[in-house]
Amino acid sequence: MFPFEEQKISDTVKIRTFKSSSLNEELVWHRDAEDRSVRVLKGQGWYFQRDNELPTPMLPGEVYTIKKCTWHRVMRKRDCSELVVEVTKLL
């Protein structure tokens, strides 16, 4: 089970919604099988972290490019809003 709800827009684009009640224990380090871009549509109190880097705030409008097989995760503060992102597989 994933810590988000997902809506498929096309074969390459999905909208993912992370609830403010998501537990950080559910937001695990992971790697993806393909290159992706992640655009933040809305949310506050969320952070993106790559392996061996400090977490950075995820702000609406920000775009993160994630190379395949790169360790990364999202994290949240205790007092956060819902996070909505657009995930696009890069071909």
PDB file of N, CA and C in Angstrom:
ATOM      1  N   MET A   1       0.840  -1.182   0.000  1.00  0.00           N
ATOM      2  CA  MET A   1       0.000   0.000   0.000  1.00  0.00           C
ATOM      3  C   MET A   1       0.884   1.244   0.000  1.00  0.00           C
ATOM      4  N   PHE A   2       0.527   2.210  -0.838  1.00  0.00           N
ATOM      5  CA  PHE A   2       1.313   3.432  -0.954  1.00  0.00           C
ATOM      6  C   PHE A   2       0.762   4.523  -0.032  1.00  0.00           C
ATOM      7  N   PRO A   3       1.605   5.464   0.387  1.00  0.00           N
ATOM      8  CA  PRO A   3       1.156   6.538   1.290  1.00  0.00           C
ATOM      9  C   PRO A   3       0.496   7.704   0.544  1.00  0.00           C
ATOM     10  N   PHE A   4      -0.023   7.453  -0.648  1.00  0.00           N
ATOM     11  CA  PHE A   4      -0.654   8.495  -1.451  1.00  0.00           C
ATOM     12  C   PHE A   4      -1.809   7.904  -2.245  1.00  0.00           C
ATOM     13  N   GLU A   5      -2.687   8.787  -2.701  1.00  0.00           N
ATOM     14  CA  GLU A   5      -3.722   8.417  -3.646  1.00  0.00           C
ATOM     15  C   GLU A   5      -3.242   8.875  -5.017  1.00  0.00           C
ATOM     16  N   GLU A   6      -3.578   8.112  -6.063  1.00  0.00           N
ATOM     17  CA  GLU A   6      -3.050   8.423  -7.384  1.00  0.00           C
ATOM     18  C   GLU A   6      -4.170   8.478  -8.414  1.00  0.00           C
ATOM     19  N   GLN A   7      -4.081   9.480  -9.273  1.00  0.00           N
ATOM     20  CA  GLN A   7      -5.018   9.636 -10.376  1.00  0.00           C
ATOM     21  C   GLN A   7      -4.208   9.614 -11.670  1.00  0.00           C
ATOM     22  N   LYS A   8      -4.538   8.686 -12.563  1.00  0.00           N
ATOM     23  CA  LYS A   8      -3.822   8.578 -13.833  1.00  0.00           C
ATOM     24  C   LYS A   8      -4.382   9.587 -14.822  1.00  0.00           C
ATOM     25  N   ILE A   9      -3.512  10.441 -15.350  1.00  0.00           N
ATOM     26  CA  ILE A   9      -3.895  11.439 -16.340  1.00  0.00           C
ATOM     27  C   ILE A   9      -3.640  10.911 -17.744  1.00  0.00           C
ATOM     28  N   SER A  10      -2.489  10.248 -17.917  1.00  0.00           N
ATOM     29  CA  SER A  10      -2.121   9.629 -19.195  1.00  0.00           C
ATOM     30  C   SER A  10      -1.153   8.489 -18.883  1.00  0.00           C
ATOM     31  N   ASP A  11      -0.612   7.867 -19.920  1.00  0.00           N
ATOM     32  CA  ASP A  11       0.353   6.785 -19.703  1.00  0.00           C
ATOM     33  C   ASP A  11       1.616   7.271 -19.007  1.00  0.00           C
ATOM     34  N   THR A  12       1.913   8.559 -19.116  1.00  0.00           N
ATOM     35  CA  THR A  12       3.152   9.075 -18.540  1.00  0.00           C
ATOM     36  C   THR A  12       2.949  10.070 -17.400  1.00  0.00           C
ATOM     37  N   VAL A  13       1.716  10.494 -17.141  1.00  0.00           N
ATOM     38  CA  VAL A  13       1.464  11.522 -16.127  1.00  0.00           C
ATOM     39  C   VAL A  13       0.447  11.028 -15.100  1.00  0.00           C
ATOM     40  N   LYS A  14       0.778  11.247 -13.815  1.00  0.00           N
ATOM     41  CA  LYS A  14      -0.109  10.895 -12.707  1.00  0.00           C
ATOM     42  C   LYS A  14      -0.128  12.035 -11.703  1.00  0.00           C
ATOM     43  N   ILE A  15      -1.244  12.199 -11.031  1.00  0.00           N
ATOM     44  CA  ILE A  15      -1.356  13.144  -9.935  1.00  0.00           C
ATOM     45  C   ILE A  15      -1.368  12.338  -8.645  1.00  0.00           C
ATOM     46  N   ARG A  16      -0.491  12.674  -7.723  1.00  0.00           N
ATOM     47  CA  ARG A  16      -0.423  11.981  -6.440  1.00  0.00           C
ATOM     48  C   ARG A  16      -0.756  12.963  -5.319  1.00  0.00           C
ATOM     49  N   THR A  17      -1.594  12.487  -4.393  1.00  0.00           N
ATOM     50  CA  THR A  17      -2.002  13.290  -3.252  1.00  0.00           C
ATOM     51  C   THR A  17      -1.585  12.596  -1.970  1.00  0.00           C
ATOM     52  N   PHE A  18      -0.775  13.290  -1.178  1.00  0.00           N
ATOM     53  CA  PHE A  18      -0.337  12.801   0.122  1.00  0.00           C
ATOM     54  C   PHE A  18      -1.131  13.539   1.185  1.00  0.00           C
ATOM     55  N   LYS A  19      -1.803  12.812   2.047  1.00  0.00           N
ATOM     56  CA  LYS A  19      -2.602  13.434   3.098  1.00  0.00           C
ATOM     57  C   LYS A  19      -1.711  14.009   4.192  1.00  0.00           C
ATOM     58  N   SER A  20      -2.213  15.035   4.850  1.00  0.00           N
ATOM     59  CA  SER A  20      -1.458  15.649   5.943  1.00  0.00           C
ATOM     60  C   SER A  20      -1.316  14.692   7.123  1.00  0.00           C
ATOM     61  N   SER A  21      -2.131  13.654   7.149  1.00  0.00           N
ATOM     62  CA  SER A  21      -2.050  12.662   8.229  1.00  0.00           C
ATOM     63  C   SER A  21      -1.088  11.520   7.916  1.00  0.00           C
ATOM     64  N   SER A  22      -0.409  11.571   6.744  1.00  0.00           N
ATOM     65  CA  SER A  22       0.573  10.542   6.407  1.00  0.00           C
ATOM     66  C   SER A  22       1.645  10.474   7.479  1.00  0.00           C
ATOM     67  N   LEU A  23       2.048   9.267   7.821  1.00  0.00           N
ATOM     68  CA  LEU A  23       3.106   9.084   8.808  1.00  0.00           C
ATOM     69  C   LEU A  23       4.458   9.091   8.115  1.00  0.00           C
ATOM     70  N   ASN A  24       5.457   9.730   8.734  1.00  0.00           N
ATOM     71  CA  ASN A  24       6.794   9.728   8.143  1.00  0.00           C
ATOM     72  C   ASN A  24       7.334   8.311   7.977  1.00  0.00           C
ATOM     73  N   GLU A  25       6.895   7.385   8.816  1.00  0.00           N
ATOM     74  CA  GLU A  25       7.332   5.986   8.696  1.00  0.00           C
ATOM     75  C   GLU A  25       6.842   5.357   7.391  1.00  0.00           C
ATOM     76  N   GLU A  26       5.766   5.897   6.816  1.00  0.00           N
ATOM     77  CA  GLU A  26       5.238   5.406   5.538  1.00  0.00           C
ATOM     78  C   GLU A  26       5.967   6.019   4.345  1.00  0.00           C
ATOM     79  N   LEU A  27       6.636   7.125   4.576  1.00  0.00           N
ATOM     80  CA  LEU A  27       7.319   7.863   3.515  1.00  0.00           C
ATOM     81  C   LEU A  27       8.765   7.388   3.437  1.00  0.00           C
ATOM     82  N   VAL A  28       8.962   6.241   2.848  1.00  0.00           N
ATOM     83  CA  VAL A  28      10.250   5.548   2.900  1.00  0.00           C
ATOM     84  C   VAL A  28      11.171   5.955   1.753  1.00  0.00           C
ATOM     85  N   TRP A  29      12.466   5.749   1.980  1.00  0.00           N
ATOM     86  CA  TRP A  29      13.452   5.895   0.917  1.00  0.00           C
ATOM     87  C   TRP A  29      13.102   4.891  -0.173  1.00  0.00           C
ATOM     88  N   HIS A  30      13.223   5.316  -1.442  1.00  0.00           N
ATOM     89  CA  HIS A  30      12.940   4.400  -2.544  1.00  0.00           C
ATOM     90  C   HIS A  30      13.656   4.866  -3.810  1.00  0.00           C
ATOM     91  N   ARG A  31      13.660   3.971  -4.799  1.00  0.00           N
ATOM     92  CA  ARG A  31      14.221   4.268  -6.116  1.00  0.00           C
ATOM     93  C   ARG A  31      13.154   3.956  -7.157  1.00  0.00           C
ATOM     94  N   ASP A  32      13.171   4.693  -8.256  1.00  0.00           N
ATOM     95  CA  ASP A  32      12.217   4.475  -9.338  1.00  0.00           C
ATOM     96  C   ASP A  32      12.903   3.792 -10.514  1.00  0.00           C
ATOM     97  N   ALA A  33      12.110   3.088 -11.320  1.00  0.00           N
ATOM     98  CA  ALA A  33      12.647   2.335 -12.455  1.00  0.00           C
ATOM     99  C   ALA A  33      12.890   3.202 -13.686  1.00  0.00           C
ATOM    100  N   GLU A  34      12.401   4.448 -13.667  1.00  0.00           N
ATOM    101  CA  GLU A  34      12.594   5.337 -14.804  1.00  0.00           C
ATOM    102  C   GLU A  34      12.850   6.760 -14.323  1.00  0.00           C
ATOM    103  N   ASP A  35      13.401   7.584 -15.229  1.00  0.00           N
ATOM    104  CA  ASP A  35      13.574   9.004 -14.925  1.00  0.00           C
ATOM    105  C   ASP A  35      12.196   9.638 -14.784  1.00  0.00           C
ATOM    106  N   ARG A  36      12.067  10.588 -13.859  1.00  0.00           N
ATOM    107  CA  ARG A  36      10.795  11.259 -13.613  1.00  0.00           C
ATOM    108  C   ARG A  36      11.016  12.719 -13.300  1.00  0.00           C
ATOM    109  N   SER A  37       9.971  13.497 -13.561  1.00  0.00           N
ATOM    110  CA  SER A  37       9.939  14.851 -13.030  1.00  0.00           C
ATOM    111  C   SER A  37       8.728  14.929 -12.111  1.00  0.00           C
ATOM    112  N   VAL A  38       8.894  15.674 -11.033  1.00  0.00           N
ATOM    113  CA  VAL A  38       7.825  15.846 -10.051  1.00  0.00           C
ATOM    114  C   VAL A  38       7.606  17.343  -9.888  1.00  0.00           C
ATOM    115  N   ARG A  39       6.388  17.792 -10.202  1.00  0.00           N
ATOM    116  CA  ARG A  39       6.031  19.205 -10.062  1.00  0.00           C
ATOM    117  C   ARG A  39       5.055  19.338  -8.902  1.00  0.00           C
ATOM    118  N   VAL A  40       5.378  20.229  -7.975  1.00  0.00           N
ATOM    119  CA  VAL A  40       4.530  20.447  -6.810  1.00  0.00           C
ATOM    120  C   VAL A  40       3.367  21.350  -7.230  1.00  0.00           C
ATOM    121  N   LEU A  41       2.142  20.843  -7.068  1.00  0.00           N
ATOM    122  CA  LEU A  41       0.954  21.619  -7.406  1.00  0.00           C
ATOM    123  C   LEU A  41       0.455  22.404  -6.199  1.00  0.00           C
ATOM    124  N   LYS A  42       0.455  21.764  -5.025  1.00  0.00           N
ATOM    125  CA  LYS A  42       0.081  22.480  -3.803  1.00  0.00           C
ATOM    126  C   LYS A  42       0.596  21.721  -2.595  1.00  0.00           C
ATOM    127  N   GLY A  43       0.732  22.455  -1.503  1.00  0.00           N
ATOM    128  CA  GLY A  43       1.183  21.851  -0.261  1.00  0.00           C
ATOM    129  C   GLY A  43       2.160  22.753   0.474  1.00  0.00           C
ATOM    130  N   GLN A  44       2.200  22.583   1.787  1.00  0.00           N
ATOM    131  CA  GLN A  44       3.195  23.285   2.597  1.00  0.00           C
ATOM    132  C   GLN A  44       3.576  22.382   3.765  1.00  0.00           C
ATOM    133  N   GLY A  45       4.827  22.503   4.187  1.00  0.00           N
ATOM    134  CA  GLY A  45       5.326  21.682   5.281  1.00  0.00           C
ATOM    135  C   GLY A  45       5.889  20.347   4.832  1.00  0.00           C
ATOM    136  N   TRP A  46       6.163  20.212   3.522  1.00  0.00           N
ATOM    137  CA  TRP A  46       6.718  18.982   2.960  1.00  0.00           C
ATOM    138  C   TRP A  46       8.135  19.232   2.458  1.00  0.00           C
ATOM    139  N   TYR A  47       8.957  18.177   2.464  1.00  0.00           N
ATOM    140  CA  TYR A  47      10.358  18.268   2.058  1.00  0.00           C
ATOM    141  C   TYR A  47      10.709  17.129   1.114  1.00  0.00           C
ATOM    142  N   PHE A  48      11.629  17.408   0.203  1.00  0.00           N
ATOM    143  CA  PHE A  48      12.171  16.404  -0.710  1.00  0.00           C
ATOM    144  C   PHE A  48      13.626  16.182  -0.334  1.00  0.00           C
ATOM    145  N   GLN A  49      14.057  14.928  -0.315  1.00  0.00           N
ATOM    146  CA  GLN A  49      15.443  14.623   0.042  1.00  0.00           C
ATOM    147  C   GLN A  49      16.001  13.546  -0.880  1.00  0.00           C
ATOM    148  N   ARG A  50      17.187  13.846  -1.423  1.00  0.00           N
ATOM    149  CA  ARG A  50      17.954  12.845  -2.176  1.00  0.00           C
ATOM    150  C   ARG A  50      18.990  12.248  -1.236  1.00  0.00           C
ATOM    151  N   ASP A  51      19.478  11.070  -1.570  1.00  0.00           N
ATOM    152  CA  ASP A  51      20.504  10.415  -0.773  1.00  0.00           C
ATOM    153  C   ASP A  51      21.725  11.327  -0.648  1.00  0.00           C
ATOM    154  N   ASN A  52      22.256  11.424   0.561  1.00  0.00           N
ATOM    155  CA  ASN A  52      23.445  12.230   0.868  1.00  0.00           C
ATOM    156  C   ASN A  52      23.242  13.730   0.663  1.00  0.00           C
ATOM    157  N   GLU A  53      21.984  14.195   0.708  1.00  0.00           N
ATOM    158  CA  GLU A  53      21.687  15.618   0.614  1.00  0.00           C
ATOM    159  C   GLU A  53      20.738  15.998   1.742  1.00  0.00           C
ATOM    160  N   LEU A  54      20.739  17.278   2.098  1.00  0.00           N
ATOM    161  CA  LEU A  54      19.798  17.775   3.094  1.00  0.00           C
ATOM    162  C   LEU A  54      18.411  17.921   2.478  1.00  0.00           C
ATOM    163  N   PRO A  55      17.364  17.773   3.268  1.00  0.00           N
ATOM    164  CA  PRO A  55      16.006  17.970   2.751  1.00  0.00           C
ATOM    165  C   PRO A  55      15.792  19.423   2.320  1.00  0.00           C
ATOM    166  N   THR A  56      15.020  19.613   1.253  1.00  0.00           N
ATOM    167  CA  THR A  56      14.678  20.951   0.784  1.00  0.00           C
ATOM    168  C   THR A  56      13.156  21.100   0.778  1.00  0.00           C
ATOM    169  N   PRO A  57      12.655  22.282   1.112  1.00  0.00           N
ATOM    170  CA  PRO A  57      11.202  22.486   1.128  1.00  0.00           C
ATOM    171  C   PRO A  57      10.597  22.271  -0.262  1.00  0.00           C
ATOM    172  N   MET A  58       9.453  21.610  -0.305  1.00  0.00           N
ATOM    173  CA  MET A  58       8.708  21.417  -1.550  1.00  0.00           C
ATOM    174  C   MET A  58       7.686  22.550  -1.646  1.00  0.00           C
ATOM    175  N   LEU A  59       7.909  23.457  -2.591  1.00  0.00           N
ATOM    176  CA  LEU A  59       7.062  24.632  -2.739  1.00  0.00           C
ATOM    177  C   LEU A  59       6.260  24.533  -4.035  1.00  0.00           C
ATOM    178  N   PRO A  60       5.016  25.011  -4.041  1.00  0.00           N
ATOM    179  CA  PRO A  60       4.218  24.985  -5.266  1.00  0.00           C
ATOM    180  C   PRO A  60       4.966  25.631  -6.431  1.00  0.00           C
ATOM    181  N   GLY A  61       4.952  24.939  -7.575  1.00  0.00           N
ATOM    182  CA  GLY A  61       5.655  25.410  -8.769  1.00  0.00           C
ATOM    183  C   GLY A  61       7.031  24.804  -8.944  1.00  0.00           C
ATOM    184  N   GLU A  62       7.626  24.293  -7.858  1.00  0.00           N
ATOM    185  CA  GLU A  62       8.955  23.677  -7.950  1.00  0.00           C
ATOM    186  C   GLU A  62       8.872  22.377  -8.759  1.00  0.00           C
ATOM    187  N   VAL A  63       9.921  22.097  -9.530  1.00  0.00           N
ATOM    188  CA  VAL A  63      10.012  20.860 -10.308  1.00  0.00           C
ATOM    189  C   VAL A  63      11.303  20.151  -9.921  1.00  0.00           C
ATOM    190  N   TYR A  64      11.189  18.871  -9.623  1.00  0.00           N
ATOM    191  CA  TYR A  64      12.333  18.039  -9.257  1.00  0.00           C
ATOM    192  C   TYR A  64      12.509  16.975 -10.334  1.00  0.00           C
ATOM    193  N   THR A  65      13.719  16.876 -10.886  1.00  0.00           N
ATOM    194  CA  THR A  65      14.029  15.812 -11.835  1.00  0.00           C
ATOM    195  C   THR A  65      14.747  14.716 -11.070  1.00  0.00           C
ATOM    196  N   ILE A  66      14.235  13.503 -11.191  1.00  0.00           N
ATOM    197  CA  ILE A  66      14.783  12.372 -10.442  1.00  0.00           C
ATOM    198  C   ILE A  66      15.245  11.317 -11.439  1.00  0.00           C
ATOM    199  N   LYS A  67      16.527  11.048 -11.444  1.00  0.00           N
ATOM    200  CA  LYS A  67      17.087  10.025 -12.326  1.00  0.00           C
ATOM    201  C   LYS A  67      16.719   8.640 -11.805  1.00  0.00           C
ATOM    202  N   LYS A  68      16.522   7.694 -12.714  1.00  0.00           N
ATOM    203  CA  LYS A  68      16.168   6.339 -12.292  1.00  0.00           C
ATOM    204  C   LYS A  68      17.252   5.769 -11.378  1.00  0.00           C
ATOM    205  N   CYS A  69      16.819   4.940 -10.468  1.00  0.00           N
ATOM    206  CA  CYS A  69      17.684   4.244  -9.503  1.00  0.00           C
ATOM    207  C   CYS A  69      18.363   5.185  -8.506  1.00  0.00           C
ATOM    208  N   THR A  70      17.869   6.405  -8.363  1.00  0.00           N
ATOM    209  CA  THR A  70      18.397   7.363  -7.397  1.00  0.00           C
ATOM    210  C   THR A  70      17.556   7.300  -6.129  1.00  0.00           C
ATOM    211  N   TRP A  71      18.195   7.096  -4.986  1.00  0.00           N
ATOM    212  CA  TRP A  71      17.479   7.042  -3.714  1.00  0.00           C
ATOM    213  C   TRP A  71      16.928   8.417  -3.376  1.00  0.00           C
ATOM    214  N   HIS A  72      15.661   8.461  -2.950  1.00  0.00           N
ATOM    215  CA  HIS A  72      15.028   9.724  -2.566  1.00  0.00           C
ATOM    216  C   HIS A  72      13.795   9.431  -1.713  1.00  0.00           C
ATOM    217  N   ARG A  73      13.255  10.494  -1.104  1.00  0.00           N
ATOM    218  CA  ARG A  73      12.039  10.370  -0.303  1.00  0.00           C
ATOM    219  C   ARG A  73      11.408  11.744  -0.127  1.00  0.00           C
ATOM    220  N   VAL A  74      10.146  11.734   0.327  1.00  0.00           N
ATOM    221  CA  VAL A  74       9.497  12.955   0.789  1.00  0.00           C
ATOM    222  C   VAL A  74       9.300  12.817   2.285  1.00  0.00           C
ATOM    223  N   MET A  75       9.281  13.952   2.960  1.00  0.00           N
ATOM    224  CA  MET A  75       9.100  13.995   4.414  1.00  0.00           C
ATOM    225  C   MET A  75       8.111  15.120   4.701  1.00  0.00           C
ATOM    226  N   ARG A  76       7.533  15.089   5.899  1.00  0.00           N
ATOM    227  CA  ARG A  76       6.601  16.151   6.254  1.00  0.00           C
ATOM    228  C   ARG A  76       6.844  16.633   7.669  1.00  0.00           C
ATOM    229  N   LYS A  77       6.474  17.895   7.907  1.00  0.00           N
ATOM    230  CA  LYS A  77       6.458  18.435   9.266  1.00  0.00           C
ATOM    231  C   LYS A  77       5.171  17.985   9.930  1.00  0.00           C
ATOM    232  N   ARG A  78       5.134  18.097  11.230  1.00  0.00           N
ATOM    233  CA  ARG A  78       3.935  17.700  11.971  1.00  0.00           C
ATOM    234  C   ARG A  78       2.728  18.526  11.539  1.00  0.00           C
ATOM    235  N   ASP A  79       2.932  19.815  11.352  1.00  0.00           N
ATOM    236  CA  ASP A  79       1.842  20.706  10.962  1.00  0.00           C
ATOM    237  C   ASP A  79       1.976  21.029   9.478  1.00  0.00           C
ATOM    238  N   CYS A  80       1.436  20.164   8.619  1.00  0.00           N
ATOM    239  CA  CYS A  80       1.551  20.356   7.178  1.00  0.00           C
ATOM    240  C   CYS A  80       0.165  20.293   6.544  1.00  0.00           C
ATOM    241  N   SER A  81       0.095  20.709   5.294  1.00  0.00           N
ATOM    242  CA  SER A  81      -1.139  20.587   4.532  1.00  0.00           C
ATOM    243  C   SER A  81      -1.045  19.346   3.643  1.00  0.00           C
ATOM    244  N   GLU A  82      -2.086  19.095   2.898  1.00  0.00           N
ATOM    245  CA  GLU A  82      -2.065  18.028   1.899  1.00  0.00           C
ATOM    246  C   GLU A  82      -1.044  18.402   0.822  1.00  0.00           C
ATOM    247  N   LEU A  83      -0.317  17.408   0.304  1.00  0.00           N
ATOM    248  CA  LEU A  83       0.653  17.627  -0.769  1.00  0.00           C
ATOM    249  C   LEU A  83       0.104  17.007  -2.048  1.00  0.00           C
ATOM    250  N   VAL A  84       0.079  17.799  -3.130  1.00  0.00           N
ATOM    251  CA  VAL A  84      -0.365  17.301  -4.428  1.00  0.00           C
ATOM    252  C   VAL A  84       0.761  17.542  -5.418  1.00  0.00           C
ATOM    253  N   VAL A  85       1.187  16.467  -6.108  1.00  0.00           N
ATOM    254  CA  VAL A  85       2.270  16.570  -7.078  1.00  0.00           C
ATOM    255  C   VAL A  85       1.851  15.920  -8.399  1.00  0.00           C
ATOM    256  N   GLU A  86       2.447  16.413  -9.470  1.00  0.00           N
ATOM    257  CA  GLU A  86       2.283  15.813 -10.790  1.00  0.00           C
ATOM    258  C   GLU A  86       3.564  15.051 -11.101  1.00  0.00           C
ATOM    259  N   VAL A  87       3.445  13.754 -11.327  1.00  0.00           N
ATOM    260  CA  VAL A  87       4.596  12.903 -11.602  1.00  0.00           C
ATOM    261  C   VAL A  87       4.564  12.532 -13.086  1.00  0.00           C
ATOM    262  N   THR A  88       5.658  12.857 -13.789  1.00  0.00           N
ATOM    263  CA  THR A  88       5.741  12.574 -15.223  1.00  0.00           C
ATOM    264  C   THR A  88       6.927  11.654 -15.492  1.00  0.00           C
ATOM    265  N   LYS A  89       6.668  10.526 -16.153  1.00  0.00           N
ATOM    266  CA  LYS A  89       7.754   9.658 -16.596  1.00  0.00           C
ATOM    267  C   LYS A  89       8.448  10.323 -17.767  1.00  0.00           C
ATOM    268  N   LEU A  90       9.758  10.421 -17.701  1.00  0.00           N
ATOM    269  CA  LEU A  90      10.533  11.037 -18.773  1.00  0.00           C
ATOM    270  C   LEU A  90      10.995   9.949 -19.730  1.00  0.00           C
ATOM    271  N   LEU A  91      10.744  10.160 -20.995  1.00  0.00           N
ATOM    272  CA  LEU A  91      11.089   9.157 -22.012  1.00  0.00           C
ATOM    273  C   LEU A  91      12.403   9.455 -22.660  1.00  0.00           C
TER     274      LEU A  91
END
